[in-house]
């Protein structure tokens, strides 16, 4: 529980640091504001799809329908590839594949935590939480390595909070705290927009010619 609380503190600090974020003011050179805004909205939609389908994977952990789980997995895999493909024109195919691998790991660990929670296996829960922390570190190193505008600590905080939101949602499902789930979903949605906007703004600033 301490790890979860710590991650929630991270998201509060991250959101505070990004409050008032002026998207267009960060775009360098002769960037076309319309193209940058279109990119921003498109990436938001893809990341929103990510939490939507992972939420369904969480729900499916409590069901005995292999067909339904397979269908959700197909949607998740397709969404992951779409998100990763956005990076390709900017950072190349190798970086895109590395991102896809990291996001697959994140999704897999969230699923592991969900299954462990349904089973009441605290050891597997703890192992999943530790892997989420490692995944946040790996994302931080990855993005700070390909962009001078993505600080390692910023990315780590964003991904750690993202994982904590999934954990919170899973725990609420387990405890049948259904009245709290709408608030949690709103928090997840707003935070995933922060992730999408932060990554988009970094691309616009690093590659202004691609948005001219």
N, C-alpha and C. Protein backbone atom coordinates (compact mmCIF):
# COMPACT_ATOMS: atom_id res chain seq x y z
N UNK A 1 0.82 -1.20 0.00
CA UNK A 1 0.00 0.00 0.00
C UNK A 1 0.86 1.25 0.00
N UNK A 2 2.03 1.18 0.66
CA UNK A 2 2.93 2.33 0.69
C UNK A 2 3.35 2.72 -0.72
N UNK A 3 3.67 1.68 -1.54
CA UNK A 3 4.10 1.96 -2.90
C UNK A 3 3.01 2.69 -3.68
N UNK A 4 1.76 2.27 -3.47
CA UNK A 4 0.65 2.91 -4.16
C UNK A 4 0.50 4.35 -3.72
N UNK A 5 0.55 4.60 -2.42
CA UNK A 5 0.43 5.95 -1.90
C UNK A 5 1.55 6.83 -2.40
N UNK A 6 2.74 6.28 -2.45
CA UNK A 6 3.90 7.03 -2.94
C UNK A 6 3.69 7.43 -4.39
N UNK A 7 3.17 6.52 -5.19
CA UNK A 7 2.93 6.83 -6.60
C UNK A 7 1.85 7.88 -6.76
N UNK A 8 0.83 7.86 -5.90
CA UNK A 8 -0.21 8.88 -5.96
C UNK A 8 0.36 10.26 -5.65
N UNK A 9 1.34 10.29 -4.74
CA UNK A 9 2.00 11.57 -4.45
C UNK A 9 2.77 12.05 -5.66
N UNK A 10 3.37 11.11 -6.37
CA UNK A 10 4.11 11.47 -7.58
C UNK A 10 3.19 12.10 -8.60
N UNK A 11 1.99 11.52 -8.80
CA UNK A 11 1.10 12.08 -9.81
C UNK A 11 0.65 13.48 -9.42
N UNK A 12 0.44 13.72 -8.14
CA UNK A 12 0.04 15.06 -7.70
C UNK A 12 1.14 16.08 -8.00
N UNK A 13 2.38 15.69 -7.73
CA UNK A 13 3.49 16.60 -7.99
C UNK A 13 3.68 16.81 -9.49
N UNK A 14 3.51 15.74 -10.25
CA UNK A 14 3.69 15.84 -11.70
C UNK A 14 2.65 16.75 -12.31
N UNK A 15 1.39 16.55 -11.92
CA UNK A 15 0.32 17.37 -12.46
C UNK A 15 0.49 18.83 -12.05
N UNK A 16 0.97 19.05 -10.83
CA UNK A 16 1.20 20.42 -10.37
C UNK A 16 2.29 21.08 -11.21
N UNK A 17 3.32 20.29 -11.51
CA UNK A 17 4.41 20.84 -12.31
C UNK A 17 4.02 21.14 -13.73
N UNK A 18 3.00 20.42 -14.23
CA UNK A 18 2.58 20.62 -15.61
C UNK A 18 1.34 21.49 -15.73
N UNK A 19 0.83 21.95 -14.61
CA UNK A 19 -0.35 22.80 -14.64
C UNK A 19 -0.04 24.09 -15.39
N UNK A 20 -0.98 24.52 -16.19
CA UNK A 20 -0.77 25.72 -16.97
C UNK A 20 0.14 25.49 -18.15
N UNK A 21 0.36 24.24 -18.52
CA UNK A 21 1.23 23.89 -19.63
C UNK A 21 0.69 24.52 -20.91
N UNK A 22 1.44 25.41 -21.52
CA UNK A 22 1.04 26.09 -22.75
C UNK A 22 1.63 25.32 -23.91
N UNK A 23 0.80 24.52 -24.56
CA UNK A 23 1.29 23.62 -25.61
C UNK A 23 1.98 24.37 -26.73
N UNK A 24 1.32 25.39 -27.28
CA UNK A 24 1.87 26.05 -28.45
C UNK A 24 3.12 26.85 -28.13
N UNK A 25 3.23 27.36 -26.90
CA UNK A 25 4.40 28.17 -26.56
C UNK A 25 5.67 27.33 -26.53
N UNK A 26 5.50 25.98 -26.43
CA UNK A 26 6.67 25.11 -26.39
C UNK A 26 7.09 24.66 -27.78
N UNK A 27 6.31 24.98 -28.78
CA UNK A 27 6.66 24.56 -30.13
C UNK A 27 7.67 25.53 -30.73
N UNK A 28 8.79 24.96 -31.17
CA UNK A 28 9.89 25.80 -31.64
C UNK A 28 9.76 26.10 -33.13
N UNK A 29 10.49 27.13 -33.59
CA UNK A 29 10.59 27.42 -35.01
C UNK A 29 9.29 27.86 -35.62
N UNK A 30 9.07 27.44 -36.87
CA UNK A 30 7.89 27.84 -37.62
C UNK A 30 6.81 26.76 -37.58
N UNK A 31 6.61 26.17 -36.44
CA UNK A 31 5.62 25.12 -36.29
C UNK A 31 4.23 25.63 -36.62
N UNK A 32 3.50 24.81 -37.38
CA UNK A 32 2.11 25.11 -37.71
C UNK A 32 1.25 24.70 -36.52
N UNK A 33 0.61 25.64 -35.82
CA UNK A 33 -0.18 25.31 -34.63
C UNK A 33 -1.29 24.30 -34.92
N UNK A 34 -1.86 24.36 -36.11
CA UNK A 34 -2.95 23.44 -36.44
C UNK A 34 -2.46 22.01 -36.53
N UNK A 35 -1.33 21.81 -37.18
CA UNK A 35 -0.76 20.47 -37.29
C UNK A 35 -0.34 19.93 -35.93
N UNK A 36 0.22 20.80 -35.11
CA UNK A 36 0.61 20.38 -33.76
C UNK A 36 -0.61 20.00 -32.94
N UNK A 37 -1.68 20.78 -33.06
CA UNK A 37 -2.91 20.50 -32.31
C UNK A 37 -3.55 19.20 -32.78
N UNK A 38 -3.50 18.93 -34.08
CA UNK A 38 -4.05 17.69 -34.61
C UNK A 38 -3.28 16.48 -34.08
N UNK A 39 -1.96 16.64 -34.03
CA UNK A 39 -1.12 15.57 -33.48
C UNK A 39 -1.46 15.34 -32.01
N UNK A 40 -1.62 16.42 -31.28
CA UNK A 40 -1.94 16.33 -29.86
C UNK A 40 -3.24 15.56 -29.65
N UNK A 41 -4.29 15.90 -30.40
CA UNK A 41 -5.58 15.25 -30.23
C UNK A 41 -5.52 13.78 -30.64
N UNK A 42 -4.82 13.49 -31.73
CA UNK A 42 -4.70 12.12 -32.19
C UNK A 42 -4.01 11.24 -31.15
N UNK A 43 -2.92 11.78 -30.56
CA UNK A 43 -2.19 11.00 -29.58
C UNK A 43 -2.99 10.83 -28.29
N UNK A 44 -3.76 11.84 -27.92
CA UNK A 44 -4.65 11.71 -26.77
C UNK A 44 -5.64 10.56 -26.99
N UNK A 45 -6.22 10.52 -28.18
CA UNK A 45 -7.21 9.48 -28.48
C UNK A 45 -6.60 8.08 -28.39
N UNK A 46 -5.39 7.94 -28.91
CA UNK A 46 -4.74 6.63 -28.85
C UNK A 46 -4.43 6.21 -27.42
N UNK A 47 -3.93 7.13 -26.62
CA UNK A 47 -3.62 6.80 -25.23
C UNK A 47 -4.88 6.56 -24.41
N UNK A 48 -5.96 7.26 -24.75
CA UNK A 48 -7.23 6.99 -24.08
C UNK A 48 -7.69 5.57 -24.41
N UNK A 49 -7.50 5.16 -25.66
CA UNK A 49 -7.82 3.79 -26.03
C UNK A 49 -7.01 2.78 -25.23
N UNK A 50 -5.77 3.14 -24.92
CA UNK A 50 -4.91 2.26 -24.12
C UNK A 50 -5.54 1.97 -22.76
N UNK A 51 -5.93 3.00 -22.02
CA UNK A 51 -6.49 2.73 -20.68
C UNK A 51 -7.87 2.10 -20.78
N UNK A 52 -8.61 2.41 -21.84
CA UNK A 52 -9.93 1.80 -22.02
C UNK A 52 -9.81 0.29 -22.17
N UNK A 53 -8.91 -0.16 -23.04
CA UNK A 53 -8.79 -1.59 -23.28
C UNK A 53 -8.09 -2.31 -22.14
N UNK A 54 -7.12 -1.67 -21.50
CA UNK A 54 -6.49 -2.31 -20.35
C UNK A 54 -7.49 -2.46 -19.21
N UNK A 55 -8.38 -1.49 -19.07
CA UNK A 55 -9.44 -1.61 -18.06
C UNK A 55 -10.30 -2.84 -18.34
N UNK A 56 -10.59 -3.09 -19.60
CA UNK A 56 -11.37 -4.28 -19.95
C UNK A 56 -10.59 -5.55 -19.66
N UNK A 57 -9.27 -5.51 -19.86
CA UNK A 57 -8.45 -6.67 -19.52
C UNK A 57 -8.50 -6.94 -18.03
N UNK A 58 -8.54 -5.87 -17.24
CA UNK A 58 -8.65 -6.00 -15.78
C UNK A 58 -9.97 -6.66 -15.42
N UNK A 59 -11.06 -6.20 -16.04
CA UNK A 59 -12.37 -6.79 -15.77
C UNK A 59 -12.41 -8.26 -16.18
N UNK A 60 -11.74 -8.58 -17.27
CA UNK A 60 -11.77 -9.94 -17.77
C UNK A 60 -10.98 -10.91 -16.90
N UNK A 61 -10.14 -10.36 -16.02
CA UNK A 61 -9.40 -11.24 -15.11
C UNK A 61 -10.34 -11.98 -14.16
N UNK A 62 -11.52 -11.41 -13.99
CA UNK A 62 -12.49 -12.02 -13.07
C UNK A 62 -13.50 -12.91 -13.81
N UNK A 63 -13.32 -13.09 -15.10
CA UNK A 63 -14.26 -13.90 -15.87
C UNK A 63 -13.60 -15.21 -16.31
N UNK A 64 -14.42 -16.10 -16.79
CA UNK A 64 -13.91 -17.38 -17.29
C UNK A 64 -14.18 -17.52 -18.78
N UNK A 65 -14.06 -16.41 -19.51
CA UNK A 65 -14.35 -16.43 -20.94
C UNK A 65 -13.05 -16.22 -21.73
N UNK A 66 -12.40 -17.31 -22.14
CA UNK A 66 -11.16 -17.18 -22.92
C UNK A 66 -11.36 -16.40 -24.21
N UNK A 67 -12.51 -16.59 -24.85
CA UNK A 67 -12.78 -15.89 -26.10
C UNK A 67 -12.81 -14.38 -25.89
N UNK A 68 -13.46 -13.95 -24.82
CA UNK A 68 -13.53 -12.52 -24.53
C UNK A 68 -12.15 -11.96 -24.21
N UNK A 69 -11.37 -12.71 -23.44
CA UNK A 69 -10.02 -12.26 -23.11
C UNK A 69 -9.16 -12.14 -24.36
N UNK A 70 -9.32 -13.10 -25.28
CA UNK A 70 -8.54 -13.06 -26.52
C UNK A 70 -8.91 -11.84 -27.37
N UNK A 71 -10.19 -11.54 -27.42
CA UNK A 71 -10.65 -10.38 -28.20
C UNK A 71 -10.09 -9.08 -27.63
N UNK A 72 -10.11 -8.97 -26.31
CA UNK A 72 -9.58 -7.76 -25.66
C UNK A 72 -8.08 -7.66 -25.90
N UNK A 73 -7.39 -8.79 -25.83
CA UNK A 73 -5.94 -8.77 -26.08
C UNK A 73 -5.63 -8.28 -27.50
N UNK A 74 -6.43 -8.70 -28.47
CA UNK A 74 -6.23 -8.25 -29.84
C UNK A 74 -6.38 -6.73 -29.95
N UNK A 75 -7.37 -6.20 -29.26
CA UNK A 75 -7.59 -4.75 -29.28
C UNK A 75 -6.42 -4.02 -28.62
N UNK A 76 -5.93 -4.57 -27.50
CA UNK A 76 -4.80 -3.97 -26.79
C UNK A 76 -3.56 -3.98 -27.67
N UNK A 77 -3.29 -5.12 -28.31
CA UNK A 77 -2.10 -5.23 -29.16
C UNK A 77 -2.17 -4.25 -30.32
N UNK A 78 -3.35 -4.11 -30.93
CA UNK A 78 -3.50 -3.18 -32.05
C UNK A 78 -3.29 -1.75 -31.60
N UNK A 79 -3.84 -1.41 -30.44
CA UNK A 79 -3.69 -0.07 -29.90
C UNK A 79 -2.23 0.24 -29.58
N UNK A 80 -1.54 -0.73 -28.99
CA UNK A 80 -0.12 -0.55 -28.66
C UNK A 80 0.70 -0.27 -29.92
N UNK A 81 0.43 -1.00 -30.98
CA UNK A 81 1.15 -0.79 -32.23
C UNK A 81 0.85 0.58 -32.83
N UNK A 82 -0.38 1.04 -32.67
CA UNK A 82 -0.73 2.37 -33.18
C UNK A 82 0.02 3.46 -32.42
N UNK A 83 0.06 3.33 -31.10
CA UNK A 83 0.78 4.32 -30.29
C UNK A 83 2.27 4.31 -30.65
N UNK A 84 2.83 3.12 -30.78
CA UNK A 84 4.25 3.00 -31.09
C UNK A 84 4.57 3.55 -32.48
N UNK A 85 3.66 3.34 -33.43
CA UNK A 85 3.92 3.77 -34.80
C UNK A 85 4.03 5.28 -34.92
N UNK A 86 3.43 6.01 -34.00
CA UNK A 86 3.52 7.47 -34.02
C UNK A 86 4.97 7.91 -33.84
N UNK A 87 5.74 7.15 -33.09
CA UNK A 87 7.13 7.51 -32.81
C UNK A 87 8.05 7.27 -33.99
N UNK A 88 7.67 6.36 -34.89
CA UNK A 88 8.58 5.92 -35.96
C UNK A 88 9.10 7.06 -36.83
N UNK A 89 8.26 7.98 -37.33
CA UNK A 89 8.79 9.05 -38.19
C UNK A 89 9.74 10.00 -37.48
N UNK A 90 9.70 10.00 -36.16
CA UNK A 90 10.54 10.91 -35.38
C UNK A 90 11.81 10.24 -34.87
N UNK A 91 11.67 9.03 -34.34
CA UNK A 91 12.79 8.39 -33.66
C UNK A 91 13.26 7.11 -34.33
N UNK A 92 12.55 6.65 -35.33
CA UNK A 92 12.98 5.46 -36.06
C UNK A 92 12.30 4.19 -35.61
N UNK A 93 12.45 3.15 -36.43
CA UNK A 93 11.78 1.88 -36.19
C UNK A 93 12.29 1.19 -34.93
N UNK A 94 13.59 1.27 -34.67
CA UNK A 94 14.15 0.61 -33.49
C UNK A 94 13.56 1.19 -32.21
N UNK A 95 13.47 2.50 -32.13
CA UNK A 95 12.89 3.15 -30.96
C UNK A 95 11.42 2.80 -30.81
N UNK A 96 10.72 2.76 -31.93
CA UNK A 96 9.30 2.41 -31.91
C UNK A 96 9.09 1.00 -31.35
N UNK A 97 9.92 0.06 -31.79
CA UNK A 97 9.81 -1.32 -31.30
C UNK A 97 10.15 -1.41 -29.82
N UNK A 98 11.14 -0.63 -29.39
CA UNK A 98 11.52 -0.64 -27.97
C UNK A 98 10.38 -0.09 -27.12
N UNK A 99 9.74 0.98 -27.59
CA UNK A 99 8.59 1.53 -26.87
C UNK A 99 7.47 0.49 -26.79
N UNK A 100 7.20 -0.18 -27.90
CA UNK A 100 6.15 -1.19 -27.92
C UNK A 100 6.43 -2.29 -26.91
N UNK A 101 7.68 -2.70 -26.82
CA UNK A 101 8.06 -3.73 -25.84
C UNK A 101 7.81 -3.25 -24.42
N UNK A 102 8.20 -2.02 -24.12
CA UNK A 102 8.01 -1.47 -22.78
C UNK A 102 6.54 -1.36 -22.42
N UNK A 103 5.71 -0.93 -23.38
CA UNK A 103 4.29 -0.81 -23.10
C UNK A 103 3.65 -2.19 -22.95
N UNK A 104 4.10 -3.16 -23.73
CA UNK A 104 3.61 -4.53 -23.58
C UNK A 104 3.92 -5.06 -22.17
N UNK A 105 5.13 -4.76 -21.70
CA UNK A 105 5.51 -5.20 -20.35
C UNK A 105 4.60 -4.54 -19.32
N UNK A 106 4.37 -3.25 -19.47
CA UNK A 106 3.51 -2.53 -18.53
C UNK A 106 2.12 -3.16 -18.48
N UNK A 107 1.55 -3.44 -19.64
CA UNK A 107 0.22 -4.04 -19.71
C UNK A 107 0.22 -5.43 -19.10
N UNK A 108 1.26 -6.20 -19.41
CA UNK A 108 1.35 -7.55 -18.87
C UNK A 108 1.44 -7.56 -17.36
N UNK A 109 2.18 -6.63 -16.80
CA UNK A 109 2.33 -6.57 -15.35
C UNK A 109 1.02 -6.14 -14.69
N UNK A 110 0.32 -5.20 -15.31
CA UNK A 110 -0.99 -4.80 -14.78
C UNK A 110 -1.93 -6.00 -14.78
N UNK A 111 -1.90 -6.78 -15.84
CA UNK A 111 -2.74 -7.99 -15.91
C UNK A 111 -2.33 -8.98 -14.81
N UNK A 112 -1.02 -9.12 -14.60
CA UNK A 112 -0.53 -10.01 -13.54
C UNK A 112 -1.04 -9.55 -12.17
N UNK A 113 -0.97 -8.23 -11.94
CA UNK A 113 -1.44 -7.72 -10.65
C UNK A 113 -2.93 -7.99 -10.49
N UNK A 114 -3.68 -7.82 -11.58
CA UNK A 114 -5.12 -8.06 -11.52
C UNK A 114 -5.42 -9.53 -11.20
N UNK A 115 -4.75 -10.43 -11.89
CA UNK A 115 -4.98 -11.85 -11.65
C UNK A 115 -4.57 -12.25 -10.23
N UNK A 116 -3.46 -11.67 -9.74
CA UNK A 116 -3.03 -11.96 -8.38
C UNK A 116 -4.03 -11.43 -7.36
N UNK A 117 -4.61 -10.27 -7.65
CA UNK A 117 -5.59 -9.67 -6.75
C UNK A 117 -6.86 -10.51 -6.69
N UNK A 118 -7.31 -10.97 -7.85
CA UNK A 118 -8.49 -11.85 -7.90
C UNK A 118 -8.23 -13.12 -7.10
N UNK A 119 -7.00 -13.65 -7.20
CA UNK A 119 -6.64 -14.88 -6.49
C UNK A 119 -6.30 -14.65 -5.02
N UNK A 120 -6.12 -13.38 -4.63
CA UNK A 120 -5.74 -13.08 -3.25
C UNK A 120 -4.31 -13.45 -2.95
N UNK A 121 -3.45 -13.42 -3.97
CA UNK A 121 -2.05 -13.82 -3.82
C UNK A 121 -1.19 -12.56 -3.61
N UNK A 122 -0.90 -12.25 -2.36
CA UNK A 122 -0.17 -11.02 -2.04
C UNK A 122 1.28 -11.06 -2.52
N UNK A 123 1.87 -12.23 -2.57
CA UNK A 123 3.26 -12.33 -3.05
C UNK A 123 3.34 -11.96 -4.52
N UNK A 124 2.39 -12.45 -5.31
CA UNK A 124 2.37 -12.09 -6.73
C UNK A 124 2.04 -10.60 -6.91
N UNK A 125 1.19 -10.08 -6.05
CA UNK A 125 0.90 -8.65 -6.10
C UNK A 125 2.16 -7.83 -5.89
N UNK A 126 2.93 -8.19 -4.84
CA UNK A 126 4.16 -7.46 -4.54
C UNK A 126 5.17 -7.57 -5.68
N UNK A 127 5.25 -8.73 -6.27
CA UNK A 127 6.17 -8.92 -7.39
C UNK A 127 5.76 -8.05 -8.58
N UNK A 128 4.46 -7.96 -8.81
CA UNK A 128 3.96 -7.12 -9.91
C UNK A 128 4.25 -5.65 -9.64
N UNK A 129 4.07 -5.20 -8.43
CA UNK A 129 4.35 -3.81 -8.08
C UNK A 129 5.83 -3.48 -8.30
N UNK A 130 6.69 -4.43 -7.94
CA UNK A 130 8.12 -4.21 -8.14
C UNK A 130 8.44 -4.12 -9.63
N UNK A 131 7.78 -4.92 -10.44
CA UNK A 131 8.01 -4.88 -11.89
C UNK A 131 7.47 -3.59 -12.50
N UNK A 132 6.37 -3.08 -11.96
CA UNK A 132 5.86 -1.79 -12.44
C UNK A 132 6.87 -0.68 -12.18
N UNK A 133 7.51 -0.72 -11.02
CA UNK A 133 8.52 0.29 -10.70
C UNK A 133 9.71 0.19 -11.65
N UNK A 134 10.14 -1.03 -11.94
CA UNK A 134 11.24 -1.23 -12.88
C UNK A 134 10.86 -0.75 -14.28
N UNK A 135 9.62 -1.02 -14.67
CA UNK A 135 9.14 -0.59 -15.98
C UNK A 135 9.14 0.93 -16.09
N UNK A 136 8.75 1.62 -15.02
CA UNK A 136 8.78 3.08 -15.02
C UNK A 136 10.20 3.59 -15.20
N UNK A 137 11.16 2.93 -14.54
CA UNK A 137 12.57 3.30 -14.70
C UNK A 137 13.02 3.10 -16.16
N UNK A 138 12.61 1.98 -16.74
CA UNK A 138 13.01 1.68 -18.11
C UNK A 138 12.41 2.68 -19.10
N UNK A 139 11.15 3.06 -18.89
CA UNK A 139 10.53 4.08 -19.73
C UNK A 139 11.29 5.41 -19.60
N UNK A 140 11.67 5.74 -18.37
CA UNK A 140 12.37 7.01 -18.12
C UNK A 140 13.70 7.05 -18.86
N UNK A 141 14.44 5.96 -18.79
CA UNK A 141 15.73 5.90 -19.48
C UNK A 141 15.54 5.94 -21.00
N UNK A 142 14.51 5.26 -21.47
CA UNK A 142 14.25 5.22 -22.91
C UNK A 142 13.95 6.60 -23.46
N UNK A 143 12.95 7.28 -22.88
CA UNK A 143 12.54 8.57 -23.42
C UNK A 143 13.59 9.66 -23.22
N UNK A 144 14.26 9.65 -22.07
CA UNK A 144 15.30 10.66 -21.86
C UNK A 144 16.48 10.41 -22.80
N UNK A 145 16.60 9.17 -23.26
CA UNK A 145 17.69 8.85 -24.18
C UNK A 145 17.42 9.26 -25.61
N UNK A 146 16.15 9.38 -25.99
CA UNK A 146 15.85 9.75 -27.38
C UNK A 146 15.42 11.20 -27.53
N UNK A 147 15.12 11.86 -26.41
CA UNK A 147 14.67 13.25 -26.50
C UNK A 147 15.32 14.12 -25.42
N UNK A 148 15.89 15.24 -25.81
CA UNK A 148 16.47 16.15 -24.82
C UNK A 148 15.39 16.91 -24.05
N UNK A 149 14.14 16.77 -24.47
CA UNK A 149 13.05 17.51 -23.84
C UNK A 149 12.19 16.63 -22.92
N UNK A 150 12.65 15.41 -22.68
CA UNK A 150 11.95 14.52 -21.76
C UNK A 150 12.91 14.12 -20.64
N UNK A 151 12.76 14.76 -19.50
CA UNK A 151 13.65 14.47 -18.38
C UNK A 151 13.31 13.11 -17.78
N UNK A 152 14.35 12.43 -17.36
CA UNK A 152 14.17 11.08 -16.82
C UNK A 152 13.21 11.07 -15.64
N UNK A 153 13.37 12.02 -14.72
CA UNK A 153 12.51 12.02 -13.54
C UNK A 153 11.06 12.33 -13.88
N UNK A 154 10.86 13.16 -14.91
CA UNK A 154 9.49 13.48 -15.32
C UNK A 154 8.79 12.26 -15.88
N UNK A 155 9.45 11.55 -16.77
CA UNK A 155 8.86 10.36 -17.38
C UNK A 155 8.63 9.28 -16.33
N UNK A 156 9.59 9.10 -15.44
CA UNK A 156 9.43 8.09 -14.38
C UNK A 156 8.19 8.40 -13.55
N UNK A 157 8.00 9.65 -13.18
CA UNK A 157 6.84 10.03 -12.39
C UNK A 157 5.53 9.79 -13.13
N UNK A 158 5.52 10.13 -14.42
CA UNK A 158 4.30 9.94 -15.21
C UNK A 158 3.93 8.47 -15.33
N UNK A 159 4.90 7.62 -15.63
CA UNK A 159 4.61 6.20 -15.82
C UNK A 159 4.31 5.52 -14.48
N UNK A 160 5.01 5.91 -13.43
CA UNK A 160 4.73 5.33 -12.10
C UNK A 160 3.31 5.65 -11.66
N UNK A 161 2.88 6.88 -11.89
CA UNK A 161 1.52 7.26 -11.51
C UNK A 161 0.49 6.52 -12.37
N UNK A 162 0.80 6.35 -13.64
CA UNK A 162 -0.08 5.60 -14.53
C UNK A 162 -0.29 4.18 -14.00
N UNK A 163 0.80 3.53 -13.62
CA UNK A 163 0.69 2.19 -13.05
C UNK A 163 -0.09 2.18 -11.76
N UNK A 164 0.11 3.20 -10.94
CA UNK A 164 -0.61 3.28 -9.66
C UNK A 164 -2.11 3.43 -9.88
N UNK A 165 -2.49 4.12 -10.94
CA UNK A 165 -3.92 4.26 -11.23
C UNK A 165 -4.54 2.92 -11.56
N UNK A 166 -3.85 2.12 -12.36
CA UNK A 166 -4.37 0.78 -12.67
C UNK A 166 -4.49 -0.06 -11.39
N UNK A 167 -3.50 0.03 -10.54
CA UNK A 167 -3.52 -0.72 -9.28
C UNK A 167 -4.71 -0.29 -8.42
N UNK A 168 -4.92 1.01 -8.34
CA UNK A 168 -6.05 1.52 -7.56
C UNK A 168 -7.36 1.00 -8.13
N UNK A 169 -7.51 1.05 -9.44
CA UNK A 169 -8.73 0.58 -10.09
C UNK A 169 -8.97 -0.91 -9.81
N UNK A 170 -7.92 -1.70 -9.92
CA UNK A 170 -8.02 -3.14 -9.66
C UNK A 170 -8.45 -3.40 -8.22
N UNK A 171 -7.84 -2.67 -7.28
CA UNK A 171 -8.19 -2.86 -5.87
C UNK A 171 -9.64 -2.47 -5.60
N UNK A 172 -10.11 -1.43 -6.27
CA UNK A 172 -11.50 -1.01 -6.08
C UNK A 172 -12.47 -2.04 -6.64
N UNK A 173 -12.13 -2.64 -7.78
CA UNK A 173 -12.96 -3.72 -8.30
C UNK A 173 -13.00 -4.90 -7.32
N UNK A 174 -11.84 -5.23 -6.78
CA UNK A 174 -11.76 -6.35 -5.85
C UNK A 174 -12.61 -6.10 -4.61
N UNK A 175 -12.56 -4.87 -4.11
CA UNK A 175 -13.32 -4.52 -2.90
C UNK A 175 -14.77 -4.14 -3.18
N UNK A 176 -15.13 -4.17 -4.47
CA UNK A 176 -16.47 -3.80 -4.92
C UNK A 176 -16.83 -2.36 -4.53
N UNK A 177 -15.81 -1.50 -4.61
CA UNK A 177 -16.02 -0.08 -4.32
C UNK A 177 -16.44 0.63 -5.61
N UNK A 178 -17.57 0.21 -6.14
CA UNK A 178 -17.99 0.65 -7.45
C UNK A 178 -18.28 2.15 -7.51
N UNK A 179 -18.70 2.72 -6.38
CA UNK A 179 -19.02 4.15 -6.36
C UNK A 179 -17.78 5.01 -6.60
N UNK A 180 -16.60 4.45 -6.34
CA UNK A 180 -15.37 5.21 -6.49
C UNK A 180 -14.75 5.09 -7.89
N UNK A 181 -15.27 4.16 -8.69
CA UNK A 181 -14.63 3.87 -9.97
C UNK A 181 -14.76 5.00 -10.98
N UNK A 182 -15.88 5.73 -10.95
CA UNK A 182 -16.02 6.85 -11.89
C UNK A 182 -14.98 7.92 -11.62
N UNK A 183 -14.75 8.21 -10.35
CA UNK A 183 -13.73 9.21 -10.00
C UNK A 183 -12.35 8.74 -10.41
N UNK A 184 -12.07 7.46 -10.20
CA UNK A 184 -10.78 6.90 -10.59
C UNK A 184 -10.59 6.97 -12.10
N UNK A 185 -11.65 6.67 -12.85
CA UNK A 185 -11.55 6.74 -14.32
C UNK A 185 -11.27 8.16 -14.79
N UNK A 186 -11.93 9.14 -14.18
CA UNK A 186 -11.67 10.53 -14.56
C UNK A 186 -10.21 10.90 -14.30
N UNK A 187 -9.69 10.44 -13.16
CA UNK A 187 -8.30 10.71 -12.83
C UNK A 187 -7.35 10.04 -13.83
N UNK A 188 -7.68 8.81 -14.19
CA UNK A 188 -6.86 8.08 -15.16
C UNK A 188 -6.87 8.78 -16.52
N UNK A 189 -8.06 9.22 -16.93
CA UNK A 189 -8.20 9.88 -18.23
C UNK A 189 -7.40 11.19 -18.27
N UNK A 190 -7.53 12.00 -17.23
CA UNK A 190 -6.80 13.27 -17.20
C UNK A 190 -5.29 13.03 -17.19
N UNK A 191 -4.87 12.00 -16.47
CA UNK A 191 -3.43 11.74 -16.39
C UNK A 191 -2.90 11.20 -17.70
N UNK A 192 -3.68 10.35 -18.39
CA UNK A 192 -3.19 9.81 -19.65
C UNK A 192 -3.08 10.92 -20.68
N UNK A 193 -3.93 11.96 -20.55
CA UNK A 193 -3.79 13.13 -21.42
C UNK A 193 -2.49 13.87 -21.14
N UNK A 194 -2.10 13.92 -19.87
CA UNK A 194 -0.83 14.57 -19.52
C UNK A 194 0.33 13.81 -20.16
N UNK A 195 0.27 12.48 -20.11
CA UNK A 195 1.32 11.68 -20.74
C UNK A 195 1.37 11.95 -22.25
N UNK A 196 0.21 11.88 -22.89
CA UNK A 196 0.15 12.11 -24.34
C UNK A 196 0.64 13.51 -24.70
N UNK A 197 0.20 14.51 -23.94
CA UNK A 197 0.58 15.90 -24.24
C UNK A 197 2.07 16.13 -24.02
N UNK A 198 2.61 15.52 -22.98
CA UNK A 198 4.03 15.68 -22.70
C UNK A 198 4.89 15.09 -23.82
N UNK A 199 4.53 13.90 -24.28
CA UNK A 199 5.28 13.27 -25.36
C UNK A 199 5.11 14.04 -26.67
N UNK A 200 3.89 14.51 -26.94
CA UNK A 200 3.66 15.26 -28.17
C UNK A 200 4.44 16.57 -28.17
N UNK A 201 4.39 17.29 -27.05
CA UNK A 201 5.10 18.57 -26.96
C UNK A 201 6.59 18.38 -27.17
N UNK A 202 7.14 17.28 -26.66
CA UNK A 202 8.57 17.01 -26.84
C UNK A 202 8.89 16.78 -28.32
N UNK A 203 8.01 16.05 -29.01
CA UNK A 203 8.24 15.81 -30.44
C UNK A 203 8.15 17.10 -31.24
N UNK A 204 7.17 17.93 -30.92
CA UNK A 204 7.01 19.20 -31.64
C UNK A 204 8.24 20.08 -31.43
N UNK A 205 8.73 20.11 -30.22
CA UNK A 205 9.88 20.96 -29.91
C UNK A 205 11.16 20.42 -30.54
N UNK A 206 11.31 19.09 -30.55
CA UNK A 206 12.52 18.48 -31.09
C UNK A 206 12.54 18.46 -32.62
N UNK A 207 11.34 18.34 -33.22
CA UNK A 207 11.25 18.22 -34.68
C UNK A 207 10.26 19.23 -35.26
N UNK A 208 10.50 20.52 -35.07
CA UNK A 208 9.54 21.52 -35.53
C UNK A 208 9.30 21.48 -37.04
N UNK A 209 10.33 21.06 -37.81
CA UNK A 209 10.17 21.00 -39.25
C UNK A 209 9.12 20.01 -39.71
N UNK A 210 8.85 18.99 -38.88
CA UNK A 210 7.84 18.00 -39.22
C UNK A 210 6.42 18.51 -38.97
N UNK A 211 6.33 19.69 -38.36
CA UNK A 211 5.01 20.26 -38.07
C UNK A 211 4.84 21.62 -38.75
N UNK A 212 5.65 21.87 -39.77
CA UNK A 212 5.61 23.17 -40.43
C UNK A 212 4.50 23.22 -41.48
